């Protein structure tokens, strides 16, 4: 018998027996023979009614999703300044936009590569949206190195225009994103490589990535891309249409 189903139904059986006897019972109260008989009854019931297991799993998934939604909402409310107004972030689109979309990304994430066109399309189609990019290097040492270079690039480009060029080239590139690859891309775009190497090892790069990691943990994020749109958390490369829908909902609210 499935251990999950056995645990659920055995617990129900114990509770029923406890109610019938008028006193609380513990699993240790039963002998091995009694426990075996309870499990036999439960197994026979589940074989006759397998839909019970599916119903229990569905309910569990609902409760888990609800708990995650609460964590996401609380995380956004408790960390709004760091999410939307941090000094350690890149801001694109309309800096005075009425809705902000924050994207957590990793340069080695295949889904982030696909989602790049969604972000660009959103900025193109919606002149009132503000976009914030946060490096979230979760896919290994190469990702951390690339994120460090990205922070150093941002430090040389206050308005974000050349950062966006760097960002696109990194996500459109092939192969592993790491220090060497990121520095080569930055060099091609005219950045001061000597300054980049100094800045990527400095306190700003460290503080930026640490802040983003703390935010992701507080929000319950564990993958990329992940978005915060208004007060809502959206996980995964959901596509341009879905992003527009979330922005419209945030604007309405």
Protein backbone atom coordinates (compact mmCIF):
# COMPACT_ATOMS: atom_id res chain seq x y z
CA UNK A 1 0.00 0.00 0.00
CA UNK A 2 1.15 3.56 -0.71
CA UNK A 3 2.76 4.91 2.49
CA UNK A 4 0.98 8.24 2.18
CA UNK A 5 -2.44 6.67 1.86
CA UNK A 6 -1.65 4.19 4.61
CA UNK A 7 -0.63 6.97 6.97
CA UNK A 8 -3.77 8.99 6.26
CA UNK A 9 -6.26 6.22 6.54
CA UNK A 10 -4.55 4.49 9.46
CA UNK A 11 -4.64 7.80 11.30
CA UNK A 12 -8.35 8.03 10.51
CA UNK A 13 -8.89 4.51 11.77
CA UNK A 14 -7.06 5.27 14.99
CA UNK A 15 -9.10 8.41 15.48
CA UNK A 16 -12.32 6.49 14.91
CA UNK A 17 -11.31 3.83 17.41
CA UNK A 18 -10.39 6.49 19.92
CA UNK A 19 -13.77 8.15 19.55
CA UNK A 20 -15.53 4.82 19.86
CA UNK A 21 -13.68 3.98 23.05
CA UNK A 22 -14.15 7.40 24.56
CA UNK A 23 -10.45 7.83 25.31
CA UNK A 24 -7.44 8.94 23.24
CA UNK A 25 -5.37 6.14 21.77
CA UNK A 26 -1.79 6.13 20.58
CA UNK A 27 -0.30 3.93 17.85
CA UNK A 28 1.73 2.12 20.55
CA UNK A 29 -1.55 1.06 22.21
CA UNK A 30 -2.13 -1.53 19.48
CA UNK A 31 -0.35 -4.82 19.24
CA UNK A 32 1.44 -5.83 16.04
CA UNK A 33 -1.50 -8.07 15.20
CA UNK A 34 -3.99 -5.24 15.69
CA UNK A 35 -1.95 -2.84 13.60
CA UNK A 36 -1.66 -5.47 10.89
CA UNK A 37 -5.43 -5.95 10.91
CA UNK A 38 -6.03 -2.19 10.65
CA UNK A 39 -3.64 -1.96 7.70
CA UNK A 40 -5.36 -4.93 6.03
CA UNK A 41 -8.74 -3.22 6.37
CA UNK A 42 -7.33 0.04 5.06
CA UNK A 43 -5.66 -1.70 2.10
CA UNK A 44 -8.88 -3.43 1.16
CA UNK A 45 -10.74 -0.14 1.38
CA UNK A 46 -8.22 1.68 -0.80
CA UNK A 47 -8.22 -1.08 -3.38
CA UNK A 48 -12.00 -0.80 -3.54
CA UNK A 49 -11.91 3.03 -3.49
CA UNK A 50 -8.61 4.21 -5.04
CA UNK A 51 -10.09 7.64 -5.69
CA UNK A 52 -9.59 8.39 -1.99
CA UNK A 53 -5.83 8.62 -2.50
CA UNK A 54 -6.23 11.03 -5.43
CA UNK A 55 -8.64 13.16 -3.42
CA UNK A 56 -6.16 13.33 -0.53
CA UNK A 57 -3.28 14.26 -2.85
CA UNK A 58 -5.38 16.94 -4.54
CA UNK A 59 -6.29 18.45 -1.19
CA UNK A 60 -2.64 18.37 -0.09
CA UNK A 61 -1.58 20.19 -3.28
CA UNK A 62 -4.27 22.82 -2.71
CA UNK A 63 -3.08 23.44 0.83
CA UNK A 64 0.55 23.65 -0.26
CA UNK A 65 -0.31 26.11 -3.04
CA UNK A 66 -2.32 28.24 -0.62
CA UNK A 67 0.56 28.27 1.88
CA UNK A 68 3.01 29.29 -0.86
CA UNK A 69 0.69 32.08 -2.01
CA UNK A 70 0.53 33.45 1.54
CA UNK A 71 4.33 33.32 1.86
CA UNK A 72 4.75 35.11 -1.47
CA UNK A 73 2.29 37.88 -0.57
CA UNK A 74 3.78 38.40 2.89
CA UNK A 75 7.28 38.38 1.42
CA UNK A 76 6.40 41.13 -1.05
CA UNK A 77 4.73 43.26 1.62
CA UNK A 78 7.61 42.87 4.07
CA UNK A 79 10.36 43.51 1.51
CA UNK A 80 8.81 46.08 -0.82
CA UNK A 81 11.57 48.67 -0.50
CA UNK A 82 14.36 46.21 -1.33
CA UNK A 83 12.25 44.72 -4.13
CA UNK A 84 11.25 47.91 -5.89
CA UNK A 85 13.62 50.67 -4.75
CA UNK A 86 16.96 49.05 -3.96
CA UNK A 87 20.18 50.85 -4.86
CA UNK A 88 21.49 47.44 -5.97
CA UNK A 89 19.20 46.96 -8.97
CA UNK A 90 18.84 47.73 -12.66
CA UNK A 91 15.75 49.69 -13.68
CA UNK A 92 14.50 49.63 -17.27
CA UNK A 93 11.40 50.78 -19.11
CA UNK A 94 9.57 53.77 -17.68
CA UNK A 95 11.35 54.82 -14.46
CA UNK A 96 8.10 56.50 -13.33
CA UNK A 97 5.87 53.67 -14.50
CA UNK A 98 2.61 52.94 -12.72
CA UNK A 99 3.33 49.18 -12.46
CA UNK A 100 6.67 47.56 -11.67
CA UNK A 101 7.68 44.10 -12.79
CA UNK A 102 10.69 42.63 -10.97
CA UNK A 103 12.46 39.71 -12.64
CA UNK A 104 14.87 37.36 -10.87
CA UNK A 105 17.07 35.66 -13.47
CA UNK A 106 20.14 33.50 -14.01
CA UNK A 107 22.30 33.80 -17.13
CA UNK A 108 22.56 30.00 -17.38
CA UNK A 109 18.81 29.49 -17.21
CA UNK A 110 17.33 28.24 -20.47
CA UNK A 111 13.88 29.48 -19.51
CA UNK A 112 15.31 32.96 -18.82
CA UNK A 113 16.72 32.95 -22.33
CA UNK A 114 13.26 32.27 -23.72
CA UNK A 115 11.65 34.79 -21.37
CA UNK A 116 13.93 37.59 -22.59
CA UNK A 117 11.68 38.25 -25.59
CA UNK A 118 8.69 38.45 -23.21
CA UNK A 119 10.34 41.20 -21.16
CA UNK A 120 11.40 43.13 -24.26
CA UNK A 121 7.94 42.74 -25.77
CA UNK A 122 6.29 43.99 -22.59
CA UNK A 123 8.47 47.11 -22.49
CA UNK A 124 7.83 47.74 -26.17
CA UNK A 125 4.06 47.34 -25.93
CA UNK A 126 3.50 49.03 -22.57
CA UNK A 127 5.22 52.43 -22.17
CA UNK A 128 3.93 52.74 -18.60
CA UNK A 129 5.59 49.63 -17.20
CA UNK A 130 8.74 49.77 -15.08
CA UNK A 131 11.06 46.75 -15.12
CA UNK A 132 13.56 45.85 -12.41
CA UNK A 133 16.19 43.17 -13.00
CA UNK A 134 17.77 41.23 -10.15
CA UNK A 135 20.63 38.77 -10.63
CA UNK A 136 19.72 35.47 -8.95
CA UNK A 137 22.61 33.07 -9.74
CA UNK A 138 21.35 29.67 -8.59
CA UNK A 139 22.82 27.41 -11.28
CA UNK A 140 26.39 27.07 -10.13
CA UNK A 141 29.70 28.93 -9.87
CA UNK A 142 29.58 30.11 -13.50
CA UNK A 143 26.27 31.82 -12.83
CA UNK A 144 27.71 33.59 -9.78
CA UNK A 145 30.68 34.82 -11.83
CA UNK A 146 28.43 36.10 -14.61
CA UNK A 147 26.23 37.86 -12.06
CA UNK A 148 29.27 39.54 -10.53
CA UNK A 149 30.28 40.86 -13.95
CA UNK A 150 26.70 42.05 -14.52
CA UNK A 151 26.78 44.07 -11.30
CA UNK A 152 30.10 45.62 -12.37
CA UNK A 153 28.55 46.45 -15.76
CA UNK A 154 25.64 48.18 -14.01
CA UNK A 155 28.14 50.23 -11.99
CA UNK A 156 29.55 51.65 -15.25
CA UNK A 157 26.14 52.33 -16.76
CA UNK A 158 23.78 54.33 -14.58
CA UNK A 159 20.86 54.61 -17.04
CA UNK A 160 20.75 50.88 -17.83
CA UNK A 161 20.91 51.19 -21.62
CA UNK A 162 24.26 49.46 -22.06
CA UNK A 163 23.38 47.02 -19.29
CA UNK A 164 20.39 45.97 -21.36
CA UNK A 165 22.68 45.36 -24.34
CA UNK A 166 24.92 43.24 -22.12
CA UNK A 167 21.89 41.42 -20.70
CA UNK A 168 20.57 40.54 -24.14
CA UNK A 169 23.92 39.34 -25.44
CA UNK A 170 24.41 37.17 -22.37
CA UNK A 171 20.99 35.54 -22.65
CA UNK A 172 21.22 35.18 -26.42
CA UNK A 173 24.70 33.67 -26.26
CA UNK A 174 25.60 30.01 -26.46
CA UNK A 175 27.55 27.93 -24.02
CA UNK A 176 28.21 28.34 -20.32
CA UNK A 177 27.84 31.81 -18.85
CA UNK A 178 30.81 32.46 -16.57
CA UNK A 179 33.46 35.09 -15.80
CA UNK A 180 35.37 34.70 -19.06
CA UNK A 181 32.28 34.75 -21.24
CA UNK A 182 30.71 37.72 -19.42
CA UNK A 183 33.91 39.77 -19.53
CA UNK A 184 34.30 39.05 -23.25
CA UNK A 185 30.74 40.27 -23.89
CA UNK A 186 31.34 43.40 -21.81
CA UNK A 187 34.61 44.12 -23.62
CA UNK A 188 32.86 43.88 -27.00
CA UNK A 189 30.37 46.49 -25.78
CA UNK A 190 33.12 48.92 -24.83
CA UNK A 191 33.20 48.55 -21.05
CA UNK A 192 36.41 49.15 -19.11
CA UNK A 193 37.48 45.57 -18.36
CA UNK A 194 40.07 46.56 -15.77
CA UNK A 195 37.44 48.44 -13.81
CA UNK A 196 34.98 45.56 -14.25
CA UNK A 197 37.45 43.09 -12.76
CA UNK A 198 38.01 45.38 -9.79
CA UNK A 199 34.31 46.09 -9.23
CA UNK A 200 33.14 42.49 -9.57
CA UNK A 201 35.37 41.56 -6.63
CA UNK A 202 34.21 44.54 -4.55
CA UNK A 203 31.60 45.13 -1.88
CA UNK A 204 28.86 46.32 -4.25
CA UNK A 205 28.81 43.05 -6.20
CA UNK A 206 28.79 41.06 -2.97
CA UNK A 207 26.03 43.20 -1.41
CA UNK A 208 23.87 43.03 -4.56
CA UNK A 209 23.92 39.26 -4.86
CA UNK A 210 23.48 38.72 -1.13
CA UNK A 211 20.46 41.05 -1.10
CA UNK A 212 18.89 39.25 -4.05
CA UNK A 213 19.43 35.87 -2.41
CA UNK A 214 17.83 37.09 0.83
CA UNK A 215 14.87 38.48 -1.08
CA UNK A 216 14.36 35.25 -2.99
CA UNK A 217 14.41 33.28 0.26
CA UNK A 218 11.95 35.64 1.92
CA UNK A 219 9.62 35.32 -1.07
CA UNK A 220 9.94 31.55 -1.30
CA UNK A 221 11.51 31.64 -4.77
CA UNK A 222 13.61 28.67 -5.82
CA UNK A 223 13.86 28.97 -9.58
CA UNK A 224 14.25 31.33 -12.50
CA UNK A 225 12.74 33.27 -14.04
CA UNK A 226 10.53 34.48 -11.21
CA UNK A 227 8.58 37.72 -11.31
CA UNK A 228 6.99 40.10 -8.85
CA UNK A 229 4.28 42.12 -10.59
CA UNK A 230 2.60 44.58 -8.28
CA UNK A 231 2.00 42.44 -5.21
CA UNK A 232 1.77 39.11 -7.05
CA UNK A 233 4.49 36.50 -7.49
CA UNK A 234 4.69 34.68 -10.82
CA UNK A 235 7.02 31.70 -11.14
CA UNK A 236 8.32 30.46 -14.48
CA UNK A 237 8.48 31.60 -18.10
CA UNK A 238 4.74 32.14 -18.43
CA UNK A 239 4.85 34.05 -21.72
CA UNK A 240 4.16 37.61 -22.84
CA UNK A 241 0.37 37.32 -22.78
CA UNK A 242 0.37 36.16 -19.17
CA UNK A 243 2.76 38.94 -18.13
CA UNK A 244 0.53 41.54 -19.79
CA UNK A 245 -2.47 40.09 -17.98
CA UNK A 246 -0.69 40.33 -14.61
CA UNK A 247 0.40 43.91 -15.31
CA UNK A 248 -3.15 44.86 -16.27
CA UNK A 249 -4.47 43.29 -13.05
CA UNK A 250 -1.88 45.14 -10.95
CA UNK A 251 -2.76 48.39 -12.70
CA UNK A 252 -6.45 47.85 -12.04
CA UNK A 253 -5.84 47.11 -8.37
